């Protein structure tokens, strides 16, 4: 199974602007970030073709359509964006970003995609934590020890991966429902190795870092995947008997002159 996948970090919040650890604090976007994201809407929608053609759709052009059914391409055109969904963290900043960038898509909340729980470091920045022995231990560990009263990087990553498995199961189920409404001869079932909708996730910097640390191929480490607000990653999710991986990926840099709050 193969699917196009796009991971987007939410827009700028007050805490982000002040370089704070923003985890469970459920703050919304800055007003200026809302405007910036509206300017990014066309850019991101061009990266995420709604109900795009797949290898399977091209097979429809070569065979006779089963009586009483329509092709998946015709079904997609008829329903426009109605079947496209965005998988989103339950926090307000991610929900607002998804609503701005993809206003016509359905939203599916995945609690496990929430940002890391920073515990005693929550909503504090370097100036406030400098000199704190617990903070120094965390820095000295390379970010591997638990945040006091919060999560370890390993525990956070495990949680995020459980959420991603939910995303894939839901996306695969939606694909099955779509096929029931259009022509699915045995030949197409064999050829249809791609999801016809892009998997879109709007979440947090840490969430995306955790996902790409686990799934990127070629592999890059957790801290190599830091994104600015409004930026994202596009690639292809490949699922085999051996597991999942994201290949042919690239960081989606915003066009020159387009703001991202930094």
C-alpha atoms as a PDB file:
ATOM      1  CA  UNK A   1       0.000   0.000   0.000  1.00  0.00           C
ATOM      2  CA  UNK A   2       1.231   3.474  -0.854  1.00  0.00           C
ATOM      3  CA  UNK A   3      -0.155   6.918  -0.051  1.00  0.00           C
ATOM      4  CA  UNK A   4       0.916  10.501  -0.429  1.00  0.00           C
ATOM      5  CA  UNK A   5       1.399  12.058   3.010  1.00  0.00           C
ATOM      6  CA  UNK A   6       1.719  15.668   4.157  1.00  0.00           C
ATOM      7  CA  UNK A   7       2.660  16.693   7.711  1.00  0.00           C
ATOM      8  CA  UNK A   8       2.118  20.343   8.668  1.00  0.00           C
ATOM      9  CA  UNK A   9       3.127  22.173  11.831  1.00  0.00           C
ATOM     10  CA  UNK A  10       0.516  24.561  13.215  1.00  0.00           C
ATOM     11  CA  UNK A  11       0.866  28.335  12.999  1.00  0.00           C
ATOM     12  CA  UNK A  12       2.521  30.672  15.477  1.00  0.00           C
ATOM     13  CA  UNK A  13       1.260  31.115  19.050  1.00  0.00           C
ATOM     14  CA  UNK A  14       2.333  33.557  21.744  1.00  0.00           C
ATOM     15  CA  UNK A  15       4.335  30.827  23.456  1.00  0.00           C
ATOM     16  CA  UNK A  16       6.085  29.898  20.208  1.00  0.00           C
ATOM     17  CA  UNK A  17       6.990  33.515  19.624  1.00  0.00           C
ATOM     18  CA  UNK A  18       8.515  33.691  23.109  1.00  0.00           C
ATOM     19  CA  UNK A  19      10.397  30.376  22.557  1.00  0.00           C
ATOM     20  CA  UNK A  20       8.506  28.585  25.335  1.00  0.00           C
ATOM     21  CA  UNK A  21       7.858  24.870  25.773  1.00  0.00           C
ATOM     22  CA  UNK A  22       4.243  24.808  24.618  1.00  0.00           C
ATOM     23  CA  UNK A  23       2.796  21.367  25.210  1.00  0.00           C
ATOM     24  CA  UNK A  24      -0.475  20.996  27.093  1.00  0.00           C
ATOM     25  CA  UNK A  25      -1.128  24.749  27.197  1.00  0.00           C
ATOM     26  CA  UNK A  26      -4.094  25.014  24.856  1.00  0.00           C
ATOM     27  CA  UNK A  27      -3.522  28.462  23.420  1.00  0.00           C
ATOM     28  CA  UNK A  28      -4.764  29.674  20.068  1.00  0.00           C
ATOM     29  CA  UNK A  29      -2.941  31.248  17.164  1.00  0.00           C
ATOM     30  CA  UNK A  30      -1.728  34.823  17.179  1.00  0.00           C
ATOM     31  CA  UNK A  31      -3.986  37.110  15.089  1.00  0.00           C
ATOM     32  CA  UNK A  32      -1.127  37.838  12.703  1.00  0.00           C
ATOM     33  CA  UNK A  33      -0.508  34.102  12.311  1.00  0.00           C
ATOM     34  CA  UNK A  34      -4.145  33.610  11.295  1.00  0.00           C
ATOM     35  CA  UNK A  35      -3.598  36.104   8.494  1.00  0.00           C
ATOM     36  CA  UNK A  36      -0.311  34.486   7.502  1.00  0.00           C
ATOM     37  CA  UNK A  37      -1.970  31.062   7.301  1.00  0.00           C
ATOM     38  CA  UNK A  38      -4.738  32.420   5.109  1.00  0.00           C
ATOM     39  CA  UNK A  39      -2.013  33.521   2.738  1.00  0.00           C
ATOM     40  CA  UNK A  40      -0.575  29.984   2.813  1.00  0.00           C
ATOM     41  CA  UNK A  41      -3.888  28.274   2.031  1.00  0.00           C
ATOM     42  CA  UNK A  42      -3.414  28.170  -1.744  1.00  0.00           C
ATOM     43  CA  UNK A  43       0.207  27.030  -1.366  1.00  0.00           C
ATOM     44  CA  UNK A  44      -0.703  24.081   0.857  1.00  0.00           C
ATOM     45  CA  UNK A  45      -3.741  23.060  -1.138  1.00  0.00           C
ATOM     46  CA  UNK A  46      -1.549  22.837  -4.234  1.00  0.00           C
ATOM     47  CA  UNK A  47       0.714  20.426  -2.348  1.00  0.00           C
ATOM     48  CA  UNK A  48      -2.267  18.268  -1.377  1.00  0.00           C
ATOM     49  CA  UNK A  49      -4.372  17.361  -4.430  1.00  0.00           C
ATOM     50  CA  UNK A  50      -7.857  16.477  -3.210  1.00  0.00           C
ATOM     51  CA  UNK A  51      -9.083  13.123  -4.462  1.00  0.00           C
ATOM     52  CA  UNK A  52      -6.204  12.942  -6.932  1.00  0.00           C
ATOM     53  CA  UNK A  53      -5.749  10.335  -9.669  1.00  0.00           C
ATOM     54  CA  UNK A  54      -3.851   7.204  -8.737  1.00  0.00           C
ATOM     55  CA  UNK A  55      -2.392   4.275 -10.606  1.00  0.00           C
ATOM     56  CA  UNK A  56      -5.697   2.495 -10.076  1.00  0.00           C
ATOM     57  CA  UNK A  57      -7.699   5.325 -11.601  1.00  0.00           C
ATOM     58  CA  UNK A  58      -5.748   5.045 -14.848  1.00  0.00           C
ATOM     59  CA  UNK A  59      -6.784   1.375 -15.065  1.00  0.00           C
ATOM     60  CA  UNK A  60     -10.392   2.520 -15.359  1.00  0.00           C
ATOM     61  CA  UNK A  61      -9.569   4.030 -18.734  1.00  0.00           C
ATOM     62  CA  UNK A  62      -8.676   0.613 -20.155  1.00  0.00           C
ATOM     63  CA  UNK A  63     -11.545  -1.648 -19.071  1.00  0.00           C
ATOM     64  CA  UNK A  64     -15.280  -1.879 -19.245  1.00  0.00           C
ATOM     65  CA  UNK A  65     -17.072  -0.357 -16.259  1.00  0.00           C
ATOM     66  CA  UNK A  66     -19.282  -2.655 -14.204  1.00  0.00           C
ATOM     67  CA  UNK A  67     -22.932  -1.799 -14.899  1.00  0.00           C
ATOM     68  CA  UNK A  68     -24.512   0.455 -12.273  1.00  0.00           C
ATOM     69  CA  UNK A  69     -21.189   1.744 -10.941  1.00  0.00           C
ATOM     70  CA  UNK A  70     -19.050   4.772 -11.721  1.00  0.00           C
ATOM     71  CA  UNK A  71     -15.299   5.117 -11.861  1.00  0.00           C
ATOM     72  CA  UNK A  72     -13.444   6.307  -8.760  1.00  0.00           C
ATOM     73  CA  UNK A  73     -12.402   9.376 -10.738  1.00  0.00           C
ATOM     74  CA  UNK A  74     -16.050  10.181 -11.555  1.00  0.00           C
ATOM     75  CA  UNK A  75     -16.992   9.577  -7.931  1.00  0.00           C
ATOM     76  CA  UNK A  76     -14.281  11.967  -6.763  1.00  0.00           C
ATOM     77  CA  UNK A  77     -15.353  14.659  -9.219  1.00  0.00           C
ATOM     78  CA  UNK A  78     -18.968  14.314  -8.144  1.00  0.00           C
ATOM     79  CA  UNK A  79     -18.164  14.558  -4.442  1.00  0.00           C
ATOM     80  CA  UNK A  80     -15.419  17.180  -4.784  1.00  0.00           C
ATOM     81  CA  UNK A  81     -13.714  17.543  -1.344  1.00  0.00           C
ATOM     82  CA  UNK A  82     -16.415  15.808   0.699  1.00  0.00           C
ATOM     83  CA  UNK A  83     -14.346  12.691   1.376  1.00  0.00           C
ATOM     84  CA  UNK A  84     -11.028  14.405   2.125  1.00  0.00           C
ATOM     85  CA  UNK A  85     -10.172  14.573   5.810  1.00  0.00           C
ATOM     86  CA  UNK A  86      -7.421  16.155   7.853  1.00  0.00           C
ATOM     87  CA  UNK A  87      -6.103  14.287  10.877  1.00  0.00           C
ATOM     88  CA  UNK A  88      -5.420  16.776  13.612  1.00  0.00           C
ATOM     89  CA  UNK A  89      -4.182  17.116  17.173  1.00  0.00           C
ATOM     90  CA  UNK A  90      -6.967  18.032  19.609  1.00  0.00           C
ATOM     91  CA  UNK A  91      -5.238  21.267  20.649  1.00  0.00           C
ATOM     92  CA  UNK A  92      -6.732  24.563  19.510  1.00  0.00           C
ATOM     93  CA  UNK A  93      -3.668  25.807  17.632  1.00  0.00           C
ATOM     94  CA  UNK A  94      -3.658  22.722  15.405  1.00  0.00           C
ATOM     95  CA  UNK A  95      -7.436  22.750  14.888  1.00  0.00           C
ATOM     96  CA  UNK A  96      -7.373  26.418  13.904  1.00  0.00           C
ATOM     97  CA  UNK A  97      -4.550  25.791  11.440  1.00  0.00           C
ATOM     98  CA  UNK A  98      -6.376  22.868   9.824  1.00  0.00           C
ATOM     99  CA  UNK A  99      -9.588  24.887   9.536  1.00  0.00           C
ATOM    100  CA  UNK A 100      -7.756  27.767   7.856  1.00  0.00           C
ATOM    101  CA  UNK A 101      -5.684  25.721   5.413  1.00  0.00           C
ATOM    102  CA  UNK A 102      -8.359  23.133   4.540  1.00  0.00           C
ATOM    103  CA  UNK A 103     -11.747  24.720   5.319  1.00  0.00           C
ATOM    104  CA  UNK A 104     -13.746  22.263   3.185  1.00  0.00           C
ATOM    105  CA  UNK A 105     -12.169  19.072   4.523  1.00  0.00           C
ATOM    106  CA  UNK A 106     -13.502  17.017   7.403  1.00  0.00           C
ATOM    107  CA  UNK A 107     -11.447  17.002  10.602  1.00  0.00           C
ATOM    108  CA  UNK A 108     -10.606  13.852  12.573  1.00  0.00           C
ATOM    109  CA  UNK A 109      -9.087  14.436  16.006  1.00  0.00           C
ATOM    110  CA  UNK A 110      -6.373  11.979  17.051  1.00  0.00           C
ATOM    111  CA  UNK A 111      -5.541  12.577  20.755  1.00  0.00           C
ATOM    112  CA  UNK A 112      -2.218  10.732  20.494  1.00  0.00           C
ATOM    113  CA  UNK A 113      -0.951  13.358  18.032  1.00  0.00           C
ATOM    114  CA  UNK A 114      -0.894  16.011  20.781  1.00  0.00           C
ATOM    115  CA  UNK A 115       2.401  17.713  21.573  1.00  0.00           C
ATOM    116  CA  UNK A 116       4.794  16.305  24.167  1.00  0.00           C
ATOM    117  CA  UNK A 117       3.882  16.790  27.829  1.00  0.00           C
ATOM    118  CA  UNK A 118       6.660  18.989  29.181  1.00  0.00           C
ATOM    119  CA  UNK A 119       5.705  18.678  32.840  1.00  0.00           C
ATOM    120  CA  UNK A 120       7.432  21.249  35.065  1.00  0.00           C
ATOM    121  CA  UNK A 121       8.985  22.914  32.018  1.00  0.00           C
ATOM    122  CA  UNK A 122       5.567  23.677  30.503  1.00  0.00           C
ATOM    123  CA  UNK A 123       5.300  27.227  29.146  1.00  0.00           C
ATOM    124  CA  UNK A 124       8.780  28.164  30.313  1.00  0.00           C
ATOM    125  CA  UNK A 125      11.668  29.292  28.131  1.00  0.00           C
ATOM    126  CA  UNK A 126      15.435  29.126  28.358  1.00  0.00           C
ATOM    127  CA  UNK A 127      15.732  32.385  30.312  1.00  0.00           C
ATOM    128  CA  UNK A 128      13.381  31.020  32.971  1.00  0.00           C
ATOM    129  CA  UNK A 129      14.948  27.540  33.091  1.00  0.00           C
ATOM    130  CA  UNK A 130      18.613  28.509  32.924  1.00  0.00           C
ATOM    131  CA  UNK A 131      20.287  27.379  36.133  1.00  0.00           C
ATOM    132  CA  UNK A 132      17.585  24.828  36.955  1.00  0.00           C
ATOM    133  CA  UNK A 133      19.403  21.535  37.791  1.00  0.00           C
ATOM    134  CA  UNK A 134      16.622  19.428  36.246  1.00  0.00           C
ATOM    135  CA  UNK A 135      16.841  21.434  33.046  1.00  0.00           C
ATOM    136  CA  UNK A 136      20.619  21.043  32.937  1.00  0.00           C
ATOM    137  CA  UNK A 137      20.260  17.268  33.346  1.00  0.00           C
ATOM    138  CA  UNK A 138      17.790  17.224  30.472  1.00  0.00           C
ATOM    139  CA  UNK A 139      20.194  19.202  28.251  1.00  0.00           C
ATOM    140  CA  UNK A 140      23.147  17.016  29.226  1.00  0.00           C
ATOM    141  CA  UNK A 141      21.160  13.891  28.290  1.00  0.00           C
ATOM    142  CA  UNK A 142      20.688  15.117  24.742  1.00  0.00           C
ATOM    143  CA  UNK A 143      16.954  15.388  25.339  1.00  0.00           C
ATOM    144  CA  UNK A 144      16.475  11.722  26.221  1.00  0.00           C
ATOM    145  CA  UNK A 145      15.570  11.946  29.918  1.00  0.00           C
ATOM    146  CA  UNK A 146      12.004  12.584  31.025  1.00  0.00           C
ATOM    147  CA  UNK A 147      10.743  16.100  31.502  1.00  0.00           C
ATOM    148  CA  UNK A 148      10.137  16.372  35.286  1.00  0.00           C
ATOM    149  CA  UNK A 149       6.480  15.401  35.670  1.00  0.00           C
ATOM    150  CA  UNK A 150       6.234  14.927  31.893  1.00  0.00           C
ATOM    151  CA  UNK A 151       7.120  12.445  29.155  1.00  0.00           C
ATOM    152  CA  UNK A 152      10.356  10.911  27.964  1.00  0.00           C
ATOM    153  CA  UNK A 153      11.192  11.249  24.277  1.00  0.00           C
ATOM    154  CA  UNK A 154      10.756   7.485  23.931  1.00  0.00           C
ATOM    155  CA  UNK A 155       7.368   7.488  25.642  1.00  0.00           C
ATOM    156  CA  UNK A 156       6.196  10.455  23.596  1.00  0.00           C
ATOM    157  CA  UNK A 157       7.324   8.796  20.375  1.00  0.00           C
ATOM    158  CA  UNK A 158       5.493   5.571  21.243  1.00  0.00           C
ATOM    159  CA  UNK A 159       2.301   7.545  21.872  1.00  0.00           C
ATOM    160  CA  UNK A 160       2.581   9.424  18.588  1.00  0.00           C
ATOM    161  CA  UNK A 161       3.136   6.183  16.674  1.00  0.00           C
ATOM    162  CA  UNK A 162      -0.014   4.697  18.212  1.00  0.00           C
ATOM    163  CA  UNK A 163      -1.858   7.740  16.926  1.00  0.00           C
ATOM    164  CA  UNK A 164      -0.373   7.325  13.475  1.00  0.00           C
ATOM    165  CA  UNK A 165      -1.520   3.730  13.350  1.00  0.00           C
ATOM    166  CA  UNK A 166      -5.043   5.015  14.048  1.00  0.00           C
ATOM    167  CA  UNK A 167      -4.646   7.470  11.181  1.00  0.00           C
ATOM    168  CA  UNK A 168      -3.655   4.736   8.750  1.00  0.00           C
ATOM    169  CA  UNK A 169      -6.436   2.376   9.820  1.00  0.00           C
ATOM    170  CA  UNK A 170      -8.997   5.160   9.372  1.00  0.00           C
ATOM    171  CA  UNK A 171      -7.600   6.195   5.979  1.00  0.00           C
ATOM    172  CA  UNK A 172      -7.652   2.597   4.757  1.00  0.00           C
ATOM    173  CA  UNK A 173     -11.236   2.168   5.969  1.00  0.00           C
ATOM    174  CA  UNK A 174     -12.345   5.319   4.139  1.00  0.00           C
ATOM    175  CA  UNK A 175     -10.696   4.029   0.982  1.00  0.00           C
ATOM    176  CA  UNK A 176     -12.654   0.791   1.305  1.00  0.00           C
ATOM    177  CA  UNK A 177     -15.915   2.694   1.634  1.00  0.00           C
ATOM    178  CA  UNK A 178     -15.095   4.754  -1.450  1.00  0.00           C
ATOM    179  CA  UNK A 179     -14.398   1.616  -3.493  1.00  0.00           C
ATOM    180  CA  UNK A 180     -17.808   0.242  -2.578  1.00  0.00           C
ATOM    181  CA  UNK A 181     -19.331   3.256  -4.343  1.00  0.00           C
ATOM    182  CA  UNK A 182     -17.371   2.932  -7.548  1.00  0.00           C
ATOM    183  CA  UNK A 183     -16.169   0.292  -9.982  1.00  0.00           C
ATOM    184  CA  UNK A 184     -13.975  -2.252  -8.198  1.00  0.00           C
ATOM    185  CA  UNK A 185     -13.498  -5.218 -10.494  1.00  0.00           C
ATOM    186  CA  UNK A 186     -10.946  -7.832  -9.460  1.00  0.00           C
ATOM    187  CA  UNK A 187      -8.441  -6.308 -11.887  1.00  0.00           C
ATOM    188  CA  UNK A 188      -8.715  -2.923 -10.173  1.00  0.00           C
ATOM    189  CA  UNK A 189      -8.522  -4.449  -6.714  1.00  0.00           C
ATOM    190  CA  UNK A 190      -5.163  -5.919  -7.705  1.00  0.00           C
ATOM    191  CA  UNK A 191      -3.901  -2.722  -9.308  1.00  0.00           C
ATOM    192  CA  UNK A 192      -5.184  -0.332  -6.652  1.00  0.00           C
ATOM    193  CA  UNK A 193      -2.126  -0.177  -4.443  1.00  0.00           C
ATOM    194  CA  UNK A 194      -2.451   3.515  -3.552  1.00  0.00           C
ATOM    195  CA  UNK A 195      -4.894   5.445  -1.406  1.00  0.00           C
ATOM    196  CA  UNK A 196      -6.703   7.923  -3.637  1.00  0.00           C
ATOM    197  CA  UNK A 197      -6.684  10.669  -0.992  1.00  0.00           C
ATOM    198  CA  UNK A 198      -3.602  12.254   0.523  1.00  0.00           C
ATOM    199  CA  UNK A 199      -3.077  11.615   4.240  1.00  0.00           C
ATOM    200  CA  UNK A 200      -2.907  15.084   5.789  1.00  0.00           C
ATOM    201  CA  UNK A 201      -1.809  15.593   9.391  1.00  0.00           C
ATOM    202  CA  UNK A 202      -1.800  19.000  11.090  1.00  0.00           C
ATOM    203  CA  UNK A 203      -0.096  18.773  14.436  1.00  0.00           C
ATOM    204  CA  UNK A 204       2.952  20.008  16.351  1.00  0.00           C
ATOM    205  CA  UNK A 205       6.670  20.338  15.843  1.00  0.00           C
ATOM    206  CA  UNK A 206       7.419  17.549  18.309  1.00  0.00           C
ATOM    207  CA  UNK A 207       4.767  15.263  16.842  1.00  0.00           C
ATOM    208  CA  UNK A 208       6.223  15.561  13.357  1.00  0.00           C
ATOM    209  CA  UNK A 209       9.769  15.085  14.686  1.00  0.00           C
ATOM    210  CA  UNK A 210       8.697  11.866  16.390  1.00  0.00           C
ATOM    211  CA  UNK A 211       6.947  10.540  13.287  1.00  0.00           C
ATOM    212  CA  UNK A 212       9.813  11.268  10.933  1.00  0.00           C
ATOM    213  CA  UNK A 213      12.394   9.876  13.378  1.00  0.00           C
ATOM    214  CA  UNK A 214      10.507   6.574  13.263  1.00  0.00           C
ATOM    215  CA  UNK A 215       9.404   6.493   9.627  1.00  0.00           C
ATOM    216  CA  UNK A 216      11.858   8.431   7.443  1.00  0.00           C
ATOM    217  CA  UNK A 217      13.817   6.401   4.874  1.00  0.00           C
ATOM    218  CA  UNK A 218      16.606   7.328   4.404  1.00  0.00           C
ATOM    219  CA  UNK A 219      16.527   7.854   8.160  1.00  0.00           C
ATOM    220  CA  UNK A 220      17.174  11.204   9.784  1.00  0.00           C
ATOM    221  CA  UNK A 221      17.219  11.693  13.535  1.00  0.00           C
ATOM    222  CA  UNK A 222      14.551  13.298  15.739  1.00  0.00           C
ATOM    223  CA  UNK A 223      16.203  16.697  16.025  1.00  0.00           C
ATOM    224  CA  UNK A 224      16.863  16.897  12.278  1.00  0.00           C
ATOM    225  CA  UNK A 225      13.139  17.389  11.678  1.00  0.00           C
ATOM    226  CA  UNK A 226      12.549  20.751  13.351  1.00  0.00           C
ATOM    227  CA  UNK A 227      10.054  22.907  11.447  1.00  0.00           C
ATOM    228  CA  UNK A 228       9.018  26.520  11.749  1.00  0.00           C
ATOM    229  CA  UNK A 229       5.305  27.303  12.286  1.00  0.00           C
ATOM    230  CA  UNK A 230       3.357  26.780   9.070  1.00  0.00           C
ATOM    231  CA  UNK A 231       6.038  24.606   7.450  1.00  0.00           C
ATOM    232  CA  UNK A 232       5.671  20.932   6.675  1.00  0.00           C
ATOM    233  CA  UNK A 233       6.944  17.761   5.049  1.00  0.00           C
ATOM    234  CA  UNK A 234       5.573  15.933   2.008  1.00  0.00           C
ATOM    235  CA  UNK A 235       6.416  12.398   0.978  1.00  0.00           C
ATOM    236  CA  UNK A 236       5.062   8.929   0.266  1.00  0.00           C
ATOM    237  CA  UNK A 237       3.994   6.468   2.938  1.00  0.00           C
ATOM    238  CA  UNK A 238       4.856   2.888   2.001  1.00  0.00           C
ATOM    239  CA  UNK A 239       3.278   0.054   3.967  1.00  0.00           C
ATOM    240  CA  UNK A 240       4.561  -3.509   3.587  1.00  0.00           C
ATOM    241  CA  UNK A 241       4.614  -6.670   5.645  1.00  0.00           C
ATOM    242  CA  UNK A 242       7.833  -5.357   7.200  1.00  0.00           C
ATOM    243  CA  UNK A 243       6.241  -2.118   8.440  1.00  0.00           C
ATOM    244  CA  UNK A 244       5.792   1.509   7.436  1.00  0.00           C
ATOM    245  CA  UNK A 245       8.199   4.082   6.080  1.00  0.00           C
ATOM    246  CA  UNK A 246       8.017   7.563   4.571  1.00  0.00           C
ATOM    247  CA  UNK A 247      10.110   7.858   1.413  1.00  0.00           C
ATOM    248  CA  UNK A 248      10.785  10.502  -1.249  1.00  0.00           C
ATOM    249  CA  UNK A 249      10.198  13.139   1.389  1.00  0.00           C
ATOM    250  CA  UNK A 250      11.045  16.826   1.338  1.00  0.00           C
ATOM    251  CA  UNK A 251      10.663  19.737   3.693  1.00  0.00           C
ATOM    252  CA  UNK A 252       8.149  22.118   2.155  1.00  0.00           C
ATOM    253  CA  UNK A 253       9.704  25.556   2.367  1.00  0.00           C
ATOM    254  CA  UNK A 254       7.295  28.428   1.991  1.00  0.00           C
ATOM    255  CA  UNK A 255       7.730  30.590  -1.130  1.00  0.00           C
ATOM    256  CA  UNK A 256      10.062  33.530  -0.692  1.00  0.00           C
ATOM    257  CA  UNK A 257       8.252  36.466   0.867  1.00  0.00           C
ATOM    258  CA  UNK A 258       5.568  34.282   2.478  1.00  0.00           C
ATOM    259  CA  UNK A 259       5.552  34.678   6.261  1.00  0.00           C
ATOM    260  CA  UNK A 260       5.737  31.867   8.775  1.00  0.00           C
ATOM    261  CA  UNK A 261       5.842  33.953  11.908  1.00  0.00           C
ATOM    262  CA  UNK A 262       9.613  33.838  12.360  1.00  0.00           C
END
